Amino acid sequence: MTELVTGEGFNDLFRDYRHTAWRLETRTFYGVLEENEPFQRWLVGDDSDISWFQPWLRMMSKELATGKRMERVRLIDDPPSDYLRWELWGTPYNLGVGEDIRYLPRDHPIVAELPDFDFWVFDSRRVARLEFGEKGEVLGASLTEEPKEVLAALQARDAAWHHALTFTEYMASRAV
């Protein structure tokens, strides 16, 4: 196994890419839920403090202002888990700084053709596969530029993006 990129090295991936960053999010939760203070506060109706979110939003705002693109597709269940509902709540903040996050219902037939793991692909040449601990905590990312793995990531990106709904479309579909 390759050495995991963590901490500032992981954050540097988002500062160093030149054109596009794209992610597939496959999980129903990230991190140790009972230890995630912002999530726990949100569960009881307190969404007033987003200071925990500000470092990411500032970094994205700065990077995306240079003309870079950042896109994600999140697989989502019906009904969504509490964690995915929390992500839906936060999505307008991501969109507000220029990210493009879309939603793909987990029961869509194309999902069976997608990888069952989370990854980022940077500039269509580098894949960062996210690695998780037993409790769902992010351990870091293993990087590869191996052509076969990059091609598989790009094919998954194209298939998922084609079928995914924008945030507005997804929220409207839930209101029906």
C-alpha atoms as a PDB file:
ATOM      1  CA  MET A   1       0.000   0.000   0.000  1.00  0.00           C
ATOM      2  CA  THR A   2       1.224   3.478  -0.790  1.00  0.00           C
ATOM      3  CA  GLU A   3       1.828   5.990   1.973  1.00  0.00           C
ATOM      4  CA  LEU A   4      -1.302   7.947   2.870  1.00  0.00           C
ATOM      5  CA  VAL A   5      -1.428  11.666   2.256  1.00  0.00           C
ATOM      6  CA  THR A   6      -2.875  13.375   5.347  1.00  0.00           C
ATOM      7  CA  GLY A   7      -3.205  16.781   7.020  1.00  0.00           C
ATOM      8  CA  GLU A   8      -1.648  19.687   5.155  1.00  0.00           C
ATOM      9  CA  GLY A   9      -0.382  17.314   2.469  1.00  0.00           C
ATOM     10  CA  PHE A  10      -3.992  16.416   1.768  1.00  0.00           C
ATOM     11  CA  ASN A  11      -5.042  20.083   1.762  1.00  0.00           C
ATOM     12  CA  ASP A  12      -2.206  20.807  -0.680  1.00  0.00           C
ATOM     13  CA  LEU A  13      -3.964  18.587  -3.241  1.00  0.00           C
ATOM     14  CA  PHE A  14      -6.664  21.285  -3.405  1.00  0.00           C
ATOM     15  CA  ARG A  15      -4.169  24.108  -3.677  1.00  0.00           C
ATOM     16  CA  ASP A  16      -1.936  22.421  -6.241  1.00  0.00           C
ATOM     17  CA  TYR A  17      -4.348  21.149  -8.894  1.00  0.00           C
ATOM     18  CA  ARG A  18      -4.524  23.358 -11.942  1.00  0.00           C
ATOM     19  CA  HIS A  19      -7.908  22.868 -13.621  1.00  0.00           C
ATOM     20  CA  THR A  20     -10.386  20.363 -12.202  1.00  0.00           C
ATOM     21  CA  ALA A  21     -11.020  18.385  -9.046  1.00  0.00           C
ATOM     22  CA  TRP A  22     -13.837  15.850  -9.020  1.00  0.00           C
ATOM     23  CA  ARG A  23     -15.044  13.541  -6.260  1.00  0.00           C
ATOM     24  CA  LEU A  24     -17.288  10.519  -5.925  1.00  0.00           C
ATOM     25  CA  GLU A  25     -18.818  10.272  -2.433  1.00  0.00           C
ATOM     26  CA  THR A  26     -20.215   6.814  -1.724  1.00  0.00           C
ATOM     27  CA  ARG A  27     -20.671   6.646   2.040  1.00  0.00           C
ATOM     28  CA  THR A  28     -23.726   7.325   4.221  1.00  0.00           C
ATOM     29  CA  PHE A  29     -21.533   9.003   6.846  1.00  0.00           C
ATOM     30  CA  TYR A  30     -18.006  10.307   7.321  1.00  0.00           C
ATOM     31  CA  GLY A  31     -16.142  10.355  10.585  1.00  0.00           C
ATOM     32  CA  VAL A  32     -17.098   9.167  14.011  1.00  0.00           C
ATOM     33  CA  LEU A  33     -20.640  10.490  14.295  1.00  0.00           C
ATOM     34  CA  GLU A  34     -20.866  10.672  18.074  1.00  0.00           C
ATOM     35  CA  GLU A  35     -17.615  12.675  18.199  1.00  0.00           C
ATOM     36  CA  ASN A  36     -18.586  15.103  15.433  1.00  0.00           C
ATOM     37  CA  GLU A  37     -19.645  18.131  17.487  1.00  0.00           C
ATOM     38  CA  PRO A  38     -21.029  20.259  14.601  1.00  0.00           C
ATOM     39  CA  PHE A  39     -23.104  17.300  13.396  1.00  0.00           C
ATOM     40  CA  GLN A  40     -24.382  16.574  16.901  1.00  0.00           C
ATOM     41  CA  ARG A  41     -25.368  20.235  17.358  1.00  0.00           C
ATOM     42  CA  TRP A  42     -27.157  20.196  13.995  1.00  0.00           C
ATOM     43  CA  LEU A  43     -29.095  17.070  15.009  1.00  0.00           C
ATOM     44  CA  VAL A  44     -30.645  18.992  17.908  1.00  0.00           C
ATOM     45  CA  GLY A  45     -31.468  22.016  15.747  1.00  0.00           C
ATOM     46  CA  ASP A  46     -28.444  24.245  16.384  1.00  0.00           C
ATOM     47  CA  ASP A  47     -26.967  25.236  13.039  1.00  0.00           C
ATOM     48  CA  SER A  48     -25.919  28.730  14.096  1.00  0.00           C
ATOM     49  CA  ASP A  49     -22.142  28.179  14.271  1.00  0.00           C
ATOM     50  CA  ILE A  50     -20.417  27.253  11.029  1.00  0.00           C
ATOM     51  CA  SER A  51     -16.902  28.215  12.167  1.00  0.00           C
ATOM     52  CA  TRP A  52     -15.859  24.553  11.714  1.00  0.00           C
ATOM     53  CA  PHE A  53     -16.755  24.885   8.005  1.00  0.00           C
ATOM     54  CA  GLN A  54     -15.016  28.217   7.371  1.00  0.00           C
ATOM     55  CA  PRO A  55     -11.454  26.946   6.694  1.00  0.00           C
ATOM     56  CA  TRP A  56     -12.703  24.735   3.835  1.00  0.00           C
ATOM     57  CA  LEU A  57     -14.978  27.439   2.452  1.00  0.00           C
ATOM     58  CA  ARG A  58     -12.180  30.048   2.543  1.00  0.00           C
ATOM     59  CA  MET A  59      -9.748  27.695   0.805  1.00  0.00           C
ATOM     60  CA  MET A  60     -12.328  26.795  -1.867  1.00  0.00           C
ATOM     61  CA  SER A  61     -13.305  30.405  -2.412  1.00  0.00           C
ATOM     62  CA  LYS A  62      -9.670  31.363  -2.951  1.00  0.00           C
ATOM     63  CA  GLU A  63      -8.849  28.434  -5.242  1.00  0.00           C
ATOM     64  CA  LEU A  64     -12.039  28.568  -7.306  1.00  0.00           C
ATOM     65  CA  ALA A  65     -11.630  32.327  -7.814  1.00  0.00           C
ATOM     66  CA  THR A  66      -8.570  31.479  -9.929  1.00  0.00           C
ATOM     67  CA  GLY A  67     -10.779  29.668 -12.483  1.00  0.00           C
ATOM     68  CA  LYS A  68     -10.383  26.138 -11.170  1.00  0.00           C
ATOM     69  CA  ARG A  69     -13.418  23.839 -11.075  1.00  0.00           C
ATOM     70  CA  MET A  70     -14.471  21.593  -8.225  1.00  0.00           C
ATOM     71  CA  GLU A  71     -17.262  19.096  -8.713  1.00  0.00           C
ATOM     72  CA  ARG A  72     -18.670  16.221  -6.678  1.00  0.00           C
ATOM     73  CA  VAL A  73     -21.299  13.548  -6.996  1.00  0.00           C
ATOM     74  CA  ARG A  74     -22.791  12.279  -3.766  1.00  0.00           C
ATOM     75  CA  LEU A  75     -24.639   8.986  -3.730  1.00  0.00           C
ATOM     76  CA  ILE A  76     -27.779   9.477  -1.674  1.00  0.00           C
ATOM     77  CA  ASP A  77     -30.294   7.124  -0.146  1.00  0.00           C
ATOM     78  CA  ASP A  78     -34.061   7.502   0.024  1.00  0.00           C
ATOM     79  CA  PRO A  79     -34.550   8.548   2.705  1.00  0.00           C
ATOM     80  CA  PRO A  80     -31.117  10.078   3.312  1.00  0.00           C
ATOM     81  CA  SER A  81     -29.226   9.171   6.471  1.00  0.00           C
ATOM     82  CA  ASP A  82     -28.998  11.885   9.119  1.00  0.00           C
ATOM     83  CA  TYR A  83     -25.436  12.548   7.997  1.00  0.00           C
ATOM     84  CA  LEU A  84     -26.459  12.967   4.351  1.00  0.00           C
ATOM     85  CA  ARG A  85     -29.283  15.294   5.441  1.00  0.00           C
ATOM     86  CA  TRP A  86     -26.615  17.339   7.232  1.00  0.00           C
ATOM     87  CA  GLU A  87     -24.585  17.445   4.022  1.00  0.00           C
ATOM     88  CA  LEU A  88     -27.689  18.605   2.146  1.00  0.00           C
ATOM     89  CA  TRP A  89     -28.061  21.375   4.730  1.00  0.00           C
ATOM     90  CA  GLY A  90     -24.443  22.450   4.125  1.00  0.00           C
ATOM     91  CA  THR A  91     -24.482  22.187   0.337  1.00  0.00           C
ATOM     92  CA  PRO A  92     -25.646  25.786  -0.262  1.00  0.00           C
ATOM     93  CA  TYR A  93     -22.477  26.976   1.513  1.00  0.00           C
ATOM     94  CA  ASN A  94     -20.346  24.851  -0.854  1.00  0.00           C
ATOM     95  CA  LEU A  95     -22.287  26.108  -3.864  1.00  0.00           C
ATOM     96  CA  GLY A  96     -21.901  29.667  -2.620  1.00  0.00           C
ATOM     97  CA  VAL A  97     -18.109  29.509  -2.959  1.00  0.00           C
ATOM     98  CA  GLY A  98     -18.268  27.896  -6.400  1.00  0.00           C
ATOM     99  CA  GLU A  99     -18.293  24.138  -5.864  1.00  0.00           C
ATOM    100  CA  ASP A 100     -20.731  22.137  -7.996  1.00  0.00           C
ATOM    101  CA  ILE A 101     -22.209  19.287  -5.955  1.00  0.00           C
ATOM    102  CA  ARG A 102     -24.694  16.902  -7.501  1.00  0.00           C
ATOM    103  CA  TYR A 103     -26.729  14.012  -6.150  1.00  0.00           C
ATOM    104  CA  LEU A 104     -27.194  10.527  -7.550  1.00  0.00           C
ATOM    105  CA  PRO A 105     -29.822   8.313  -5.951  1.00  0.00           C
ATOM    106  CA  ARG A 106     -28.160   5.139  -4.733  1.00  0.00           C
ATOM    107  CA  ASP A 107     -30.877   3.045  -6.412  1.00  0.00           C
ATOM    108  CA  HIS A 108     -30.069   4.466  -9.883  1.00  0.00           C
ATOM    109  CA  PRO A 109     -28.902   1.621 -12.169  1.00  0.00           C
ATOM    110  CA  ILE A 110     -25.628   3.385 -13.044  1.00  0.00           C
ATOM    111  CA  VAL A 111     -24.487   3.145  -9.407  1.00  0.00           C
ATOM    112  CA  ALA A 112     -23.850  -0.590  -9.878  1.00  0.00           C
ATOM    113  CA  GLU A 113     -21.212   0.348 -12.476  1.00  0.00           C
ATOM    114  CA  LEU A 114     -19.410   2.836 -10.216  1.00  0.00           C
ATOM    115  CA  PRO A 115     -16.589   2.078  -7.776  1.00  0.00           C
ATOM    116  CA  ASP A 116     -17.738   1.358  -4.240  1.00  0.00           C
ATOM    117  CA  PHE A 117     -15.147   3.685  -2.732  1.00  0.00           C
ATOM    118  CA  ASP A 118     -14.602   7.428  -2.465  1.00  0.00           C
ATOM    119  CA  PHE A 119     -12.005   9.150  -4.576  1.00  0.00           C
ATOM    120  CA  TRP A 120     -10.908  12.484  -5.967  1.00  0.00           C
ATOM    121  CA  VAL A 121      -9.489  12.873  -9.455  1.00  0.00           C
ATOM    122  CA  PHE A 122      -7.315  15.928 -10.060  1.00  0.00           C
ATOM    123  CA  ASP A 123      -6.698  17.371 -13.524  1.00  0.00           C
ATOM    124  CA  SER A 124      -7.752  14.063 -15.124  1.00  0.00           C
ATOM    125  CA  ARG A 125      -4.357  12.580 -14.265  1.00  0.00           C
ATOM    126  CA  ARG A 126      -4.099  11.886 -10.524  1.00  0.00           C
ATOM    127  CA  VAL A 127      -6.477   9.829  -8.380  1.00  0.00           C
ATOM    128  CA  ALA A 128      -6.644  10.167  -4.608  1.00  0.00           C
ATOM    129  CA  ARG A 129      -8.505   7.192  -3.148  1.00  0.00           C
ATOM    130  CA  LEU A 130      -9.817   8.012   0.306  1.00  0.00           C
ATOM    131  CA  GLU A 131      -9.056   5.503   3.037  1.00  0.00           C
ATOM    132  CA  PHE A 132     -11.243   5.148   6.133  1.00  0.00           C
ATOM    133  CA  GLY A 133     -10.838   3.642   9.572  1.00  0.00           C
ATOM    134  CA  GLU A 134     -13.150   1.151  11.235  1.00  0.00           C
ATOM    135  CA  LYS A 135     -15.399   3.908  12.593  1.00  0.00           C
ATOM    136  CA  GLY A 136     -15.639   5.780   9.298  1.00  0.00           C
ATOM    137  CA  GLU A 137     -12.969   8.342  10.081  1.00  0.00           C
ATOM    138  CA  VAL A 138     -10.891   9.576   7.138  1.00  0.00           C
ATOM    139  CA  LEU A 139      -7.340   8.285   7.477  1.00  0.00           C
ATOM    140  CA  GLY A 140      -6.013   9.996   4.362  1.00  0.00           C
ATOM    141  CA  ALA A 141      -5.701   9.334   0.646  1.00  0.00           C
ATOM    142  CA  SER A 142      -3.528   7.060  -1.433  1.00  0.00           C
ATOM    143  CA  LEU A 143      -2.384   8.672  -4.691  1.00  0.00           C
ATOM    144  CA  THR A 144      -1.842   7.155  -8.093  1.00  0.00           C
ATOM    145  CA  GLU A 145      -1.209   8.326 -11.624  1.00  0.00           C
ATOM    146  CA  GLU A 146      -1.327   4.780 -13.002  1.00  0.00           C
ATOM    147  CA  PRO A 147      -3.131   5.121 -16.371  1.00  0.00           C
ATOM    148  CA  LYS A 148      -5.531   2.215 -15.869  1.00  0.00           C
ATOM    149  CA  GLU A 149      -6.737   3.566 -12.511  1.00  0.00           C
ATOM    150  CA  VAL A 150      -7.004   7.129 -13.815  1.00  0.00           C
ATOM    151  CA  LEU A 151      -9.031   5.946 -16.822  1.00  0.00           C
ATOM    152  CA  ALA A 152     -11.398   3.977 -14.547  1.00  0.00           C
ATOM    153  CA  ALA A 153     -11.883   7.085 -12.369  1.00  0.00           C
ATOM    154  CA  LEU A 154     -12.581   9.251 -15.416  1.00  0.00           C
ATOM    155  CA  GLN A 155     -15.125   6.762 -16.763  1.00  0.00           C
ATOM    156  CA  ALA A 156     -16.852   6.695 -13.373  1.00  0.00           C
ATOM    157  CA  ARG A 157     -16.807  10.506 -13.291  1.00  0.00           C
ATOM    158  CA  ASP A 158     -18.424  10.772 -16.709  1.00  0.00           C
ATOM    159  CA  ALA A 159     -21.126   8.184 -15.946  1.00  0.00           C
ATOM    160  CA  ALA A 160     -21.985   9.580 -12.513  1.00  0.00           C
ATOM    161  CA  TRP A 161     -21.983  13.222 -13.639  1.00  0.00           C
ATOM    162  CA  HIS A 162     -24.247  12.448 -16.597  1.00  0.00           C
ATOM    163  CA  HIS A 163     -26.949  10.948 -14.360  1.00  0.00           C
ATOM    164  CA  ALA A 164     -26.582  13.097 -11.240  1.00  0.00           C
ATOM    165  CA  LEU A 165     -29.063  15.809 -10.319  1.00  0.00           C
ATOM    166  CA  THR A 166     -28.088  19.342  -9.431  1.00  0.00           C
ATOM    167  CA  PHE A 167     -28.793  20.312  -5.834  1.00  0.00           C
ATOM    168  CA  THR A 168     -31.866  22.274  -6.968  1.00  0.00           C
ATOM    169  CA  GLU A 169     -33.165  19.359  -9.049  1.00  0.00           C
ATOM    170  CA  TYR A 170     -32.586  16.898  -6.228  1.00  0.00           C
ATOM    171  CA  MET A 171     -34.323  19.074  -3.622  1.00  0.00           C
ATOM    172  CA  ALA A 172     -37.276  19.626  -5.999  1.00  0.00           C
ATOM    173  CA  SER A 173     -37.554  15.853  -6.537  1.00  0.00           C
ATOM    174  CA  ARG A 174     -37.816  15.336  -2.784  1.00  0.00           C
ATOM    175  CA  ALA A 175     -40.675  17.820  -2.533  1.00  0.00           C
ATOM    176  CA  VAL A 176     -42.871  15.774  -4.873  1.00  0.00           C
END
